[in-house]
């Protein structure tokens, strides 16, 4: 899944969204994105990766008071339909994804807690035989600790997928995901670096997966 970068999300826990360029590497996939502030409370994100994924998103965040902030984010993305590309050798057919993230953040002295829900609707571009079509939902909780120059974030997310494809229950199931990320609150040569490790554990089978998937991500943000 592609969403706005961890660095931008973490920094927005304590500040307004800020413009910048994000570059991240997850296993063998390179992703680059640009975030631009539109108003004090809204921002635009455009990104792509080496797997020919392209996404555009818009976000809105608002402080209710000094302790609470509400966030909303919508993203539309396209990527190559792997079934048509690998099996039929047909290029140009795209899988479409609509992604929504709604969350609330509670601030404490040196800490913050974030609660959120997501919805993701995946639809194959080739509709005669669909493989990836699914409605995916999740609920998550994240806690952050801020130091003078760095932050540490722990996150737990529960996933549920509802199969909408021609494959019987291939995309059905639930899963648990754990993440730990660290990053800097101040730039190093104009770059805010970060690193993340995660474990994605299906409860039985989830979206075709039946084994725990471990992944790592390193990246950085150049602000402007």
N, C-alpha and C. Protein backbone atom coordinates (compact mmCIF):
# COMPACT_ATOMS: atom_id res chain seq x y z
N UNK A 1 0.86 -1.18 0.00
CA UNK A 1 0.00 0.00 0.00
C UNK A 1 0.89 1.23 0.00
N UNK A 2 0.45 2.29 -0.77
CA UNK A 2 1.20 3.54 -0.81
C UNK A 2 0.34 4.62 -0.16
N UNK A 3 0.92 5.30 0.81
CA UNK A 3 0.25 6.44 1.43
C UNK A 3 1.27 7.54 1.61
N UNK A 4 0.83 8.65 2.17
CA UNK A 4 1.75 9.74 2.43
C UNK A 4 2.86 9.24 3.34
N UNK A 5 4.06 9.77 3.17
CA UNK A 5 5.24 9.22 3.81
C UNK A 5 5.18 9.27 5.32
N UNK A 6 5.90 8.35 5.95
CA UNK A 6 5.96 8.29 7.41
C UNK A 6 6.50 9.59 7.98
N UNK A 7 7.52 10.13 7.34
CA UNK A 7 8.12 11.36 7.84
C UNK A 7 7.11 12.49 7.89
N UNK A 8 6.38 12.69 6.81
CA UNK A 8 5.39 13.75 6.76
C UNK A 8 4.30 13.51 7.80
N UNK A 9 3.84 12.27 7.93
CA UNK A 9 2.80 11.96 8.91
C UNK A 9 3.28 12.22 10.32
N UNK A 10 4.51 11.81 10.62
CA UNK A 10 5.04 12.01 11.96
C UNK A 10 5.23 13.48 12.29
N UNK A 11 5.75 14.24 11.35
CA UNK A 11 5.95 15.66 11.59
C UNK A 11 4.63 16.39 11.76
N UNK A 12 3.58 15.92 11.07
CA UNK A 12 2.28 16.57 11.19
C UNK A 12 1.62 16.27 12.53
N UNK A 13 2.16 15.33 13.30
CA UNK A 13 1.62 15.09 14.63
C UNK A 13 1.83 16.30 15.53
N UNK A 14 2.85 17.08 15.25
CA UNK A 14 3.15 18.20 16.15
C UNK A 14 3.21 19.54 15.43
N UNK A 15 3.10 19.56 14.09
CA UNK A 15 3.14 20.81 13.36
C UNK A 15 2.11 20.79 12.25
N UNK A 16 2.01 21.87 11.52
CA UNK A 16 1.18 21.87 10.33
C UNK A 16 1.91 21.13 9.22
N UNK A 17 1.17 20.71 8.20
CA UNK A 17 1.80 20.04 7.06
C UNK A 17 2.79 21.00 6.41
N UNK A 18 3.92 20.47 5.95
CA UNK A 18 4.91 21.32 5.32
C UNK A 18 5.34 20.72 4.01
N UNK A 19 5.75 21.59 3.09
CA UNK A 19 6.10 21.15 1.75
C UNK A 19 7.44 20.44 1.75
N UNK A 20 7.58 19.47 0.85
CA UNK A 20 8.84 18.76 0.78
C UNK A 20 8.82 17.66 -0.26
N UNK A 21 9.99 17.07 -0.47
CA UNK A 21 10.16 15.93 -1.37
C UNK A 21 10.55 14.72 -0.53
N UNK A 22 9.85 13.61 -0.74
CA UNK A 22 10.10 12.39 0.01
C UNK A 22 10.70 11.32 -0.89
N UNK A 23 11.69 10.61 -0.37
CA UNK A 23 12.28 9.48 -1.07
C UNK A 23 12.41 8.33 -0.09
N UNK A 24 11.87 7.16 -0.46
CA UNK A 24 11.95 6.00 0.43
C UNK A 24 12.26 4.75 -0.37
N UNK A 25 12.88 3.78 0.32
CA UNK A 25 13.20 2.49 -0.26
C UNK A 25 12.63 1.42 0.65
N UNK A 26 11.73 0.59 0.12
CA UNK A 26 11.16 -0.53 0.86
C UNK A 26 11.50 -1.81 0.11
N UNK A 27 12.39 -2.61 0.70
CA UNK A 27 12.92 -3.79 0.03
C UNK A 27 13.54 -3.36 -1.31
N UNK A 28 12.94 -3.75 -2.43
CA UNK A 28 13.52 -3.39 -3.73
C UNK A 28 12.67 -2.37 -4.47
N UNK A 29 11.79 -1.67 -3.77
CA UNK A 29 10.92 -0.67 -4.40
C UNK A 29 11.32 0.73 -3.95
N UNK A 30 11.53 1.62 -4.90
CA UNK A 30 11.88 3.01 -4.61
C UNK A 30 10.66 3.88 -4.87
N UNK A 31 10.31 4.70 -3.90
CA UNK A 31 9.16 5.60 -4.03
C UNK A 31 9.61 7.05 -3.84
N UNK A 32 9.08 7.94 -4.65
CA UNK A 32 9.36 9.37 -4.51
C UNK A 32 8.04 10.11 -4.56
N UNK A 33 7.92 11.14 -3.72
CA UNK A 33 6.69 11.92 -3.69
C UNK A 33 6.96 13.36 -3.34
N UNK A 34 6.03 14.22 -3.69
CA UNK A 34 6.12 15.64 -3.41
C UNK A 34 4.86 16.06 -2.65
N UNK A 35 5.05 16.75 -1.53
CA UNK A 35 3.95 17.29 -0.75
C UNK A 35 3.99 18.80 -0.83
N UNK A 36 2.87 19.41 -1.15
CA UNK A 36 2.79 20.87 -1.26
C UNK A 36 1.63 21.37 -0.41
N UNK A 37 1.89 22.38 0.41
CA UNK A 37 0.82 22.98 1.19
C UNK A 37 -0.04 23.84 0.29
N UNK A 38 -1.35 23.69 0.42
CA UNK A 38 -2.30 24.48 -0.36
C UNK A 38 -2.80 25.64 0.48
N UNK A 39 -3.22 25.35 1.71
CA UNK A 39 -3.57 26.37 2.70
C UNK A 39 -2.92 25.96 4.02
N UNK A 40 -3.21 26.68 5.09
CA UNK A 40 -2.65 26.33 6.39
C UNK A 40 -3.12 24.96 6.85
N UNK A 41 -4.25 24.49 6.35
CA UNK A 41 -4.82 23.23 6.82
C UNK A 41 -4.93 22.14 5.76
N UNK A 42 -4.56 22.44 4.53
CA UNK A 42 -4.68 21.43 3.47
C UNK A 42 -3.35 21.26 2.75
N UNK A 43 -3.16 20.08 2.18
CA UNK A 43 -1.94 19.78 1.45
C UNK A 43 -2.25 18.82 0.30
N UNK A 44 -1.38 18.81 -0.68
CA UNK A 44 -1.51 17.95 -1.86
C UNK A 44 -0.29 17.05 -1.95
N UNK A 45 -0.51 15.79 -2.27
CA UNK A 45 0.59 14.83 -2.39
C UNK A 45 0.53 14.15 -3.77
N UNK A 46 1.67 14.08 -4.45
CA UNK A 46 1.80 13.36 -5.71
C UNK A 46 3.02 12.46 -5.61
N UNK A 47 2.86 11.18 -5.91
CA UNK A 47 3.98 10.26 -5.77
C UNK A 47 3.95 9.14 -6.79
N UNK A 48 5.07 8.44 -6.91
CA UNK A 48 5.18 7.29 -7.79
C UNK A 48 6.30 6.39 -7.32
N UNK A 49 6.35 5.16 -7.84
CA UNK A 49 7.42 4.26 -7.44
C UNK A 49 7.95 3.46 -8.63
N UNK A 50 8.96 2.65 -8.35
CA UNK A 50 9.64 1.91 -9.41
C UNK A 50 8.81 0.74 -9.94
N UNK A 51 7.67 0.45 -9.32
CA UNK A 51 6.75 -0.57 -9.82
C UNK A 51 5.65 0.02 -10.68
N UNK A 52 5.88 1.24 -11.15
CA UNK A 52 4.95 1.95 -12.03
C UNK A 52 3.62 2.25 -11.35
N UNK A 53 3.67 2.49 -10.05
CA UNK A 53 2.52 2.99 -9.30
C UNK A 53 2.55 4.51 -9.31
N UNK A 54 1.38 5.14 -9.43
CA UNK A 54 1.27 6.59 -9.40
C UNK A 54 0.05 6.97 -8.58
N UNK A 55 0.24 7.89 -7.62
CA UNK A 55 -0.86 8.29 -6.76
C UNK A 55 -0.90 9.79 -6.55
N UNK A 56 -2.11 10.29 -6.31
CA UNK A 56 -2.31 11.69 -5.97
C UNK A 56 -3.28 11.75 -4.80
N UNK A 57 -2.95 12.56 -3.80
CA UNK A 57 -3.78 12.62 -2.61
C UNK A 57 -3.95 14.04 -2.11
N UNK A 58 -4.99 14.24 -1.32
CA UNK A 58 -5.25 15.54 -0.71
C UNK A 58 -5.60 15.30 0.76
N UNK A 59 -5.06 16.14 1.62
CA UNK A 59 -5.29 15.98 3.05
C UNK A 59 -5.75 17.26 3.70
N UNK A 60 -6.45 17.10 4.81
CA UNK A 60 -6.93 18.24 5.59
C UNK A 60 -6.74 17.92 7.06
N UNK A 61 -6.21 18.87 7.83
CA UNK A 61 -6.05 18.67 9.27
C UNK A 61 -6.43 19.95 10.00
N UNK A 62 -7.00 19.77 11.19
CA UNK A 62 -7.52 20.91 11.93
C UNK A 62 -7.33 20.67 13.43
N UNK A 63 -6.72 21.66 14.11
CA UNK A 63 -6.62 21.60 15.56
C UNK A 63 -7.97 21.97 16.15
N UNK A 64 -8.54 21.06 16.95
CA UNK A 64 -9.78 21.35 17.67
C UNK A 64 -9.48 22.26 18.85
N UNK A 65 -8.41 21.94 19.56
CA UNK A 65 -7.87 22.77 20.64
C UNK A 65 -6.39 22.44 20.74
N UNK A 66 -5.76 22.85 21.83
CA UNK A 66 -4.31 22.63 21.96
C UNK A 66 -3.95 21.16 22.17
N UNK A 67 -4.92 20.32 22.49
CA UNK A 67 -4.65 18.92 22.79
C UNK A 67 -5.10 17.94 21.70
N UNK A 68 -6.01 18.37 20.84
CA UNK A 68 -6.59 17.46 19.86
C UNK A 68 -6.47 18.02 18.44
N UNK A 69 -6.19 17.11 17.51
CA UNK A 69 -6.17 17.46 16.10
C UNK A 69 -6.84 16.36 15.29
N UNK A 70 -7.64 16.76 14.30
CA UNK A 70 -8.31 15.82 13.41
C UNK A 70 -7.63 15.84 12.04
N UNK A 71 -7.50 14.66 11.44
CA UNK A 71 -6.86 14.52 10.13
C UNK A 71 -7.74 13.72 9.19
N UNK A 72 -7.75 14.11 7.93
CA UNK A 72 -8.41 13.32 6.89
C UNK A 72 -7.53 13.34 5.65
N UNK A 73 -7.50 12.21 4.94
CA UNK A 73 -6.64 12.09 3.76
C UNK A 73 -7.33 11.18 2.74
N UNK A 74 -7.34 11.62 1.47
CA UNK A 74 -7.88 10.80 0.38
C UNK A 74 -6.82 10.67 -0.70
N UNK A 75 -6.71 9.46 -1.24
CA UNK A 75 -5.71 9.22 -2.28
C UNK A 75 -6.29 8.33 -3.38
N UNK A 76 -6.02 8.71 -4.63
CA UNK A 76 -6.39 7.91 -5.79
C UNK A 76 -5.10 7.47 -6.48
N UNK A 77 -5.01 6.19 -6.81
CA UNK A 77 -3.77 5.70 -7.41
C UNK A 77 -4.05 4.72 -8.54
N UNK A 78 -3.06 4.60 -9.42
CA UNK A 78 -3.08 3.68 -10.55
C UNK A 78 -1.79 2.87 -10.55
N UNK A 79 -1.89 1.60 -10.90
CA UNK A 79 -0.71 0.78 -11.12
C UNK A 79 -1.03 -0.27 -12.18
N UNK A 80 0.01 -0.82 -12.78
CA UNK A 80 -0.19 -1.79 -13.85
C UNK A 80 -0.96 -3.01 -13.35
N UNK A 81 -1.90 -3.47 -14.15
CA UNK A 81 -2.63 -4.70 -13.86
C UNK A 81 -1.68 -5.88 -14.10
N UNK A 82 -1.22 -6.51 -13.00
CA UNK A 82 -0.18 -7.54 -13.12
C UNK A 82 -0.67 -8.77 -13.88
N UNK A 83 -1.97 -9.08 -13.77
CA UNK A 83 -2.49 -10.25 -14.47
C UNK A 83 -2.39 -10.08 -15.98
N UNK A 84 -2.80 -8.91 -16.47
CA UNK A 84 -2.73 -8.66 -17.91
C UNK A 84 -1.29 -8.52 -18.38
N UNK A 85 -0.45 -7.92 -17.54
CA UNK A 85 0.94 -7.71 -17.93
C UNK A 85 1.75 -8.99 -17.97
N UNK A 86 1.63 -9.83 -16.92
CA UNK A 86 2.47 -11.02 -16.82
C UNK A 86 1.92 -12.21 -17.61
N UNK A 87 0.61 -12.38 -17.61
CA UNK A 87 0.04 -13.56 -18.25
C UNK A 87 -0.34 -13.32 -19.71
N UNK A 88 -0.84 -12.11 -20.00
CA UNK A 88 -1.30 -11.83 -21.36
C UNK A 88 -0.34 -10.95 -22.14
N UNK A 89 0.63 -10.34 -21.46
CA UNK A 89 1.58 -9.47 -22.13
C UNK A 89 0.98 -8.19 -22.66
N UNK A 90 -0.11 -7.74 -22.03
CA UNK A 90 -0.81 -6.53 -22.45
C UNK A 90 -0.43 -5.39 -21.51
N UNK A 91 0.10 -4.31 -22.05
CA UNK A 91 0.47 -3.15 -21.25
C UNK A 91 -0.63 -2.09 -21.30
N UNK A 92 -0.62 -1.22 -20.31
CA UNK A 92 -1.54 -0.09 -20.30
C UNK A 92 -2.81 -0.29 -19.52
N UNK A 93 -3.09 -1.54 -19.08
CA UNK A 93 -4.28 -1.79 -18.26
C UNK A 93 -3.93 -1.48 -16.81
N UNK A 94 -4.71 -0.64 -16.17
CA UNK A 94 -4.39 -0.14 -14.84
C UNK A 94 -5.38 -0.63 -13.78
N UNK A 95 -4.85 -0.93 -12.60
CA UNK A 95 -5.67 -1.20 -11.42
C UNK A 95 -5.85 0.10 -10.66
N UNK A 96 -7.09 0.41 -10.28
CA UNK A 96 -7.41 1.66 -9.60
C UNK A 96 -7.64 1.40 -8.11
N UNK A 97 -7.18 2.35 -7.29
CA UNK A 97 -7.37 2.25 -5.85
C UNK A 97 -7.82 3.59 -5.29
N UNK A 98 -8.86 3.54 -4.46
CA UNK A 98 -9.32 4.71 -3.71
C UNK A 98 -9.01 4.43 -2.24
N UNK A 99 -8.31 5.36 -1.58
CA UNK A 99 -7.88 5.17 -0.20
C UNK A 99 -8.29 6.37 0.64
N UNK A 100 -8.88 6.10 1.82
CA UNK A 100 -9.31 7.15 2.75
C UNK A 100 -8.77 6.83 4.13
N UNK A 101 -8.23 7.85 4.81
CA UNK A 101 -7.70 7.71 6.17
C UNK A 101 -8.28 8.83 7.02
N UNK A 102 -8.98 8.46 8.10
CA UNK A 102 -9.54 9.42 9.04
C UNK A 102 -8.95 9.15 10.41
N UNK A 103 -8.47 10.20 11.09
CA UNK A 103 -7.79 9.97 12.36
C UNK A 103 -7.94 11.15 13.30
N UNK A 104 -7.64 10.88 14.57
CA UNK A 104 -7.62 11.91 15.61
C UNK A 104 -6.34 11.74 16.41
N UNK A 105 -5.72 12.84 16.78
CA UNK A 105 -4.46 12.83 17.51
C UNK A 105 -4.63 13.55 18.84
N UNK A 106 -4.15 12.91 19.91
CA UNK A 106 -4.18 13.51 21.25
C UNK A 106 -2.74 13.80 21.66
N UNK A 107 -2.47 15.06 22.03
CA UNK A 107 -1.13 15.48 22.40
C UNK A 107 -0.96 15.51 23.92
N UNK A 108 0.21 15.06 24.34
CA UNK A 108 0.62 15.13 25.74
C UNK A 108 1.98 15.82 25.78
N UNK A 109 2.53 15.96 26.95
CA UNK A 109 3.84 16.59 27.10
C UNK A 109 4.93 15.62 26.64
N UNK A 110 5.43 15.81 25.44
CA UNK A 110 6.47 14.95 24.90
C UNK A 110 5.97 13.68 24.25
N UNK A 111 4.65 13.48 24.21
CA UNK A 111 4.07 12.28 23.62
C UNK A 111 2.88 12.66 22.75
N UNK A 112 2.42 11.71 21.98
CA UNK A 112 1.14 11.85 21.28
C UNK A 112 0.59 10.47 21.00
N UNK A 113 -0.73 10.40 20.87
CA UNK A 113 -1.41 9.15 20.53
C UNK A 113 -2.34 9.41 19.36
N UNK A 114 -2.39 8.48 18.43
CA UNK A 114 -3.19 8.65 17.22
C UNK A 114 -4.11 7.45 17.03
N UNK A 115 -5.38 7.72 16.78
CA UNK A 115 -6.37 6.68 16.51
C UNK A 115 -6.92 6.93 15.11
N UNK A 116 -7.09 5.87 14.33
CA UNK A 116 -7.59 6.09 12.98
C UNK A 116 -8.25 4.88 12.36
N UNK A 117 -8.98 5.13 11.28
CA UNK A 117 -9.60 4.07 10.48
C UNK A 117 -9.30 4.36 9.02
N UNK A 118 -9.20 3.31 8.21
CA UNK A 118 -8.95 3.48 6.78
C UNK A 118 -9.92 2.62 5.98
N UNK A 119 -10.15 3.05 4.75
CA UNK A 119 -10.91 2.27 3.76
C UNK A 119 -10.14 2.31 2.45
N UNK A 120 -10.04 1.16 1.81
CA UNK A 120 -9.32 1.08 0.54
C UNK A 120 -10.11 0.20 -0.42
N UNK A 121 -10.41 0.75 -1.59
CA UNK A 121 -11.21 0.03 -2.58
C UNK A 121 -10.34 -0.21 -3.82
N UNK A 122 -10.06 -1.47 -4.11
CA UNK A 122 -9.17 -1.86 -5.21
C UNK A 122 -10.00 -2.48 -6.33
N UNK A 123 -9.79 -1.98 -7.55
CA UNK A 123 -10.52 -2.52 -8.70
C UNK A 123 -9.58 -2.71 -9.88
N UNK A 124 -9.57 -3.93 -10.44
CA UNK A 124 -8.76 -4.22 -11.62
C UNK A 124 -9.28 -3.48 -12.84
N UNK A 125 -8.35 -3.08 -13.72
CA UNK A 125 -8.74 -2.40 -14.94
C UNK A 125 -9.37 -3.34 -15.95
N UNK A 126 -8.95 -4.61 -15.94
CA UNK A 126 -9.51 -5.61 -16.84
C UNK A 126 -10.64 -6.31 -16.11
N UNK A 127 -11.88 -6.03 -16.47
CA UNK A 127 -13.03 -6.48 -15.69
C UNK A 127 -13.58 -7.84 -16.09
N UNK A 128 -13.06 -8.42 -17.21
CA UNK A 128 -13.56 -9.73 -17.62
C UNK A 128 -13.20 -10.81 -16.60
N UNK A 129 -12.00 -10.70 -16.01
CA UNK A 129 -11.59 -11.59 -14.93
C UNK A 129 -10.82 -10.77 -13.91
N UNK A 130 -11.41 -10.55 -12.75
CA UNK A 130 -10.78 -9.72 -11.72
C UNK A 130 -10.11 -10.61 -10.68
N UNK A 131 -8.94 -10.19 -10.24
CA UNK A 131 -8.17 -10.94 -9.26
C UNK A 131 -7.96 -10.14 -7.98
N UNK A 132 -7.70 -8.85 -8.11
CA UNK A 132 -7.35 -8.03 -6.96
C UNK A 132 -8.53 -7.29 -6.34
N UNK A 133 -9.70 -7.30 -6.96
CA UNK A 133 -10.82 -6.50 -6.47
C UNK A 133 -11.15 -6.85 -5.03
N UNK A 134 -11.16 -5.83 -4.18
CA UNK A 134 -11.45 -6.04 -2.77
C UNK A 134 -11.77 -4.71 -2.11
N UNK A 135 -12.55 -4.79 -1.05
CA UNK A 135 -12.75 -3.67 -0.14
C UNK A 135 -11.96 -3.97 1.12
N UNK A 136 -10.99 -3.12 1.42
CA UNK A 136 -10.13 -3.36 2.57
C UNK A 136 -10.34 -2.25 3.61
N UNK A 137 -10.41 -2.66 4.87
CA UNK A 137 -10.64 -1.73 5.96
C UNK A 137 -9.61 -2.00 7.05
N UNK A 138 -9.34 -0.98 7.86
CA UNK A 138 -8.43 -1.18 8.99
C UNK A 138 -8.72 -0.16 10.08
N UNK A 139 -8.28 -0.51 11.28
CA UNK A 139 -8.31 0.40 12.43
C UNK A 139 -6.94 0.34 13.07
N UNK A 140 -6.41 1.49 13.48
CA UNK A 140 -5.05 1.49 14.01
C UNK A 140 -4.90 2.43 15.21
N UNK A 141 -3.85 2.14 15.97
CA UNK A 141 -3.45 2.99 17.09
C UNK A 141 -1.95 3.18 17.02
N UNK A 142 -1.49 4.42 17.18
CA UNK A 142 -0.06 4.72 17.16
C UNK A 142 0.28 5.62 18.33
N UNK A 143 1.45 5.41 18.89
CA UNK A 143 1.94 6.25 19.99
C UNK A 143 3.33 6.75 19.63
N UNK A 144 3.57 8.03 19.87
CA UNK A 144 4.86 8.64 19.53
C UNK A 144 5.49 9.26 20.76
N UNK A 145 6.81 9.13 20.85
CA UNK A 145 7.59 9.79 21.89
C UNK A 145 8.55 10.75 21.19
N UNK A 146 8.51 12.02 21.61
CA UNK A 146 9.35 13.04 21.00
C UNK A 146 10.50 13.40 21.92
N UNK A 147 11.69 13.40 21.35
CA UNK A 147 12.88 13.85 22.05
C UNK A 147 13.29 15.20 21.47
N UNK A 148 14.39 15.73 21.92
CA UNK A 148 14.80 17.05 21.44
C UNK A 148 15.10 17.04 19.95
N UNK A 149 15.71 15.97 19.47
CA UNK A 149 16.11 15.93 18.07
C UNK A 149 15.54 14.73 17.30
N UNK A 150 14.75 13.88 17.94
CA UNK A 150 14.29 12.67 17.28
C UNK A 150 12.92 12.25 17.81
N UNK A 151 12.33 11.26 17.15
CA UNK A 151 11.07 10.70 17.60
C UNK A 151 11.09 9.19 17.39
N UNK A 152 10.27 8.49 18.17
CA UNK A 152 10.06 7.05 18.03
C UNK A 152 8.56 6.81 18.00
N UNK A 153 8.10 6.00 17.04
CA UNK A 153 6.68 5.73 16.89
C UNK A 153 6.44 4.23 16.85
N UNK A 154 5.47 3.78 17.63
CA UNK A 154 5.01 2.40 17.58
C UNK A 154 3.57 2.38 17.10
N UNK A 155 3.23 1.41 16.27
CA UNK A 155 1.89 1.39 15.68
C UNK A 155 1.38 -0.05 15.58
N UNK A 156 0.08 -0.21 15.88
CA UNK A 156 -0.60 -1.49 15.66
C UNK A 156 -1.81 -1.24 14.78
N UNK A 157 -2.02 -2.12 13.78
CA UNK A 157 -3.14 -1.95 12.86
C UNK A 157 -3.80 -3.30 12.60
N UNK A 158 -5.13 -3.30 12.69
CA UNK A 158 -5.91 -4.50 12.39
C UNK A 158 -6.55 -4.34 11.01
N UNK A 159 -6.36 -5.32 10.13
CA UNK A 159 -6.83 -5.25 8.75
C UNK A 159 -7.96 -6.26 8.50
N UNK A 160 -8.92 -5.84 7.70
CA UNK A 160 -9.99 -6.73 7.26
C UNK A 160 -10.21 -6.52 5.77
N UNK A 161 -10.28 -7.61 5.02
CA UNK A 161 -10.49 -7.53 3.57
C UNK A 161 -11.74 -8.29 3.17
N UNK A 162 -12.53 -7.68 2.30
CA UNK A 162 -13.75 -8.29 1.77
C UNK A 162 -13.55 -8.52 0.27
N UNK A 163 -13.59 -9.77 -0.14
CA UNK A 163 -13.31 -10.12 -1.53
C UNK A 163 -14.43 -9.66 -2.46
N UNK A 164 -14.04 -8.95 -3.54
CA UNK A 164 -14.99 -8.52 -4.57
C UNK A 164 -14.55 -8.99 -5.95
N UNK A 165 -13.63 -9.96 -5.99
CA UNK A 165 -13.07 -10.41 -7.26
C UNK A 165 -13.78 -11.68 -7.75
N UNK A 166 -13.33 -12.18 -8.90
CA UNK A 166 -13.85 -13.43 -9.44
C UNK A 166 -13.19 -14.65 -8.81
N UNK A 167 -12.19 -14.43 -7.96
CA UNK A 167 -11.53 -15.51 -7.25
C UNK A 167 -12.27 -15.74 -5.94
N UNK A 168 -12.65 -16.96 -5.65
CA UNK A 168 -13.48 -17.25 -4.48
C UNK A 168 -12.67 -17.07 -3.20
N UNK A 169 -13.03 -16.04 -2.42
CA UNK A 169 -12.42 -15.77 -1.11
C UNK A 169 -10.91 -15.62 -1.16
N UNK A 170 -10.35 -15.32 -2.33
CA UNK A 170 -8.89 -15.16 -2.44
C UNK A 170 -8.41 -13.94 -1.67
N UNK A 171 -9.20 -12.88 -1.66
CA UNK A 171 -8.81 -11.63 -1.01
C UNK A 171 -9.49 -11.42 0.33
N UNK A 172 -10.09 -12.47 0.87
CA UNK A 172 -10.83 -12.37 2.12
C UNK A 172 -9.88 -12.57 3.29
N UNK A 173 -10.25 -12.04 4.47
CA UNK A 173 -9.51 -12.37 5.67
C UNK A 173 -9.17 -11.19 6.54
N UNK A 174 -8.45 -11.48 7.63
CA UNK A 174 -8.01 -10.46 8.57
C UNK A 174 -6.52 -10.62 8.82
N UNK A 175 -5.90 -9.57 9.32
CA UNK A 175 -4.46 -9.60 9.59
C UNK A 175 -4.11 -8.55 10.64
N UNK A 176 -2.99 -8.76 11.31
CA UNK A 176 -2.45 -7.81 12.27
C UNK A 176 -1.11 -7.29 11.76
N UNK A 177 -0.86 -6.01 12.02
CA UNK A 177 0.40 -5.39 11.56
C UNK A 177 1.01 -4.58 12.69
N UNK A 178 2.31 -4.76 12.90
CA UNK A 178 3.06 -4.00 13.90
C UNK A 178 4.17 -3.22 13.20
N UNK A 179 4.37 -1.98 13.63
CA UNK A 179 5.40 -1.13 13.04
C UNK A 179 6.16 -0.38 14.14
N UNK A 180 7.44 -0.18 13.91
CA UNK A 180 8.26 0.70 14.74
C UNK A 180 9.07 1.58 13.80
N UNK A 181 9.03 2.88 14.01
CA UNK A 181 9.79 3.80 13.16
C UNK A 181 10.51 4.82 14.02
N UNK A 182 11.64 5.29 13.52
CA UNK A 182 12.42 6.33 14.19
C UNK A 182 12.81 7.36 13.14
N UNK A 183 12.97 8.59 13.58
CA UNK A 183 13.37 9.65 12.67
C UNK A 183 13.84 10.87 13.42
N UNK A 184 14.29 11.86 12.69
CA UNK A 184 14.81 13.08 13.30
C UNK A 184 13.79 14.20 13.23
N UNK A 185 13.75 15.02 14.27
CA UNK A 185 12.89 16.20 14.30
C UNK A 185 13.59 17.41 13.70
N UNK A 186 14.90 17.29 13.52
CA UNK A 186 15.68 18.37 12.91
C UNK A 186 16.44 17.82 11.71
N UNK A 187 16.64 18.63 10.68
CA UNK A 187 17.25 18.11 9.46
C UNK A 187 18.74 17.88 9.60
N UNK A 188 19.23 16.92 8.82
CA UNK A 188 20.65 16.67 8.67
C UNK A 188 20.99 16.99 7.21
N UNK A 189 21.70 18.08 7.00
CA UNK A 189 21.99 18.57 5.64
C UNK A 189 20.69 18.73 4.85
N UNK A 190 19.70 19.36 5.50
CA UNK A 190 18.40 19.67 4.90
C UNK A 190 17.52 18.45 4.68
N UNK A 191 17.90 17.29 5.23
CA UNK A 191 17.13 16.05 5.07
C UNK A 191 16.68 15.55 6.43
N UNK A 192 15.39 15.16 6.52
CA UNK A 192 14.85 14.51 7.72
C UNK A 192 14.83 13.00 7.47
N UNK A 193 15.84 12.25 7.92
CA UNK A 193 15.87 10.81 7.65
C UNK A 193 14.96 10.04 8.61
N UNK A 194 14.54 8.85 8.17
CA UNK A 194 13.75 7.98 9.03
C UNK A 194 13.98 6.53 8.62
N UNK A 195 13.59 5.61 9.51
CA UNK A 195 13.67 4.18 9.23
C UNK A 195 12.48 3.49 9.89
N UNK A 196 12.01 2.43 9.26
CA UNK A 196 10.86 1.70 9.78
C UNK A 196 11.04 0.21 9.56
N UNK A 197 10.61 -0.59 10.54
CA UNK A 197 10.51 -2.03 10.38
C UNK A 197 9.08 -2.43 10.71
N UNK A 198 8.57 -3.44 10.02
CA UNK A 198 7.18 -3.85 10.23
C UNK A 198 7.03 -5.35 10.06
N UNK A 199 5.98 -5.87 10.68
CA UNK A 199 5.61 -7.28 10.55
C UNK A 199 4.12 -7.35 10.25
N UNK A 200 3.78 -8.03 9.15
CA UNK A 200 2.39 -8.17 8.73
C UNK A 200 2.01 -9.64 8.87
N UNK A 201 1.05 -9.92 9.78
CA UNK A 201 0.73 -11.30 10.14
C UNK A 201 -0.72 -11.63 9.80
N UNK A 202 -0.98 -12.41 8.74
CA UNK A 202 -2.35 -12.82 8.41
C UNK A 202 -2.91 -13.78 9.46
N UNK A 203 -4.19 -13.64 9.74
CA UNK A 203 -4.88 -14.59 10.61
C UNK A 203 -5.48 -15.67 9.72
N UNK A 204 -4.67 -16.66 9.39
CA UNK A 204 -5.06 -17.64 8.39
C UNK A 204 -4.59 -17.16 7.03
N UNK A 205 -5.52 -16.64 6.22
CA UNK A 205 -5.18 -16.10 4.90
C UNK A 205 -5.77 -14.71 4.77
N UNK A 206 -4.97 -13.79 4.25
CA UNK A 206 -5.43 -12.42 4.03
C UNK A 206 -4.92 -11.95 2.68
N UNK A 207 -5.83 -11.62 1.78
CA UNK A 207 -5.48 -11.07 0.47
C UNK A 207 -4.43 -11.94 -0.23
N UNK A 208 -4.62 -13.25 -0.14
CA UNK A 208 -3.70 -14.19 -0.77
C UNK A 208 -2.45 -14.51 0.02
N UNK A 209 -2.27 -13.89 1.20
CA UNK A 209 -1.09 -14.12 2.02
C UNK A 209 -1.43 -15.09 3.15
N UNK A 210 -0.50 -15.99 3.48
CA UNK A 210 -0.71 -16.89 4.61
C UNK A 210 0.51 -16.99 5.52
N UNK A 211 1.56 -16.23 5.23
CA UNK A 211 2.76 -16.21 6.06
C UNK A 211 3.06 -14.79 6.53
N UNK A 212 3.77 -14.68 7.65
CA UNK A 212 4.17 -13.37 8.16
C UNK A 212 5.16 -12.72 7.19
N UNK A 213 4.91 -11.48 6.88
CA UNK A 213 5.79 -10.73 5.98
C UNK A 213 6.51 -9.64 6.77
N UNK A 214 7.84 -9.70 6.79
CA UNK A 214 8.65 -8.69 7.45
C UNK A 214 9.20 -7.74 6.40
N UNK A 215 9.20 -6.45 6.71
CA UNK A 215 9.72 -5.48 5.75
C UNK A 215 10.43 -4.36 6.47
N UNK A 216 11.25 -3.66 5.73
CA UNK A 216 11.96 -2.50 6.26
C UNK A 216 11.87 -1.37 5.25
N UNK A 217 11.94 -0.16 5.76
CA UNK A 217 11.89 1.02 4.91
C UNK A 217 12.88 2.04 5.44
N UNK A 218 13.64 2.65 4.56
CA UNK A 218 14.48 3.78 4.91
C UNK A 218 14.16 4.91 3.94
N UNK A 219 14.26 6.13 4.43
CA UNK A 219 13.94 7.25 3.56
C UNK A 219 14.28 8.57 4.20
N UNK A 220 13.86 9.62 3.53
CA UNK A 220 14.12 10.96 4.03
C UNK A 220 13.24 11.97 3.33
N UNK A 221 13.15 13.13 3.94
CA UNK A 221 12.35 14.23 3.39
C UNK A 221 13.22 15.47 3.28
N UNK A 222 13.19 16.10 2.13
CA UNK A 222 13.84 17.39 1.92
C UNK A 222 12.75 18.45 1.95
N UNK A 223 12.80 19.33 2.92
CA UNK A 223 11.75 20.34 3.06
C UNK A 223 12.11 21.60 2.27
N UNK A 224 11.07 22.30 1.83
CA UNK A 224 11.29 23.57 1.14
C UNK A 224 10.11 24.49 1.39
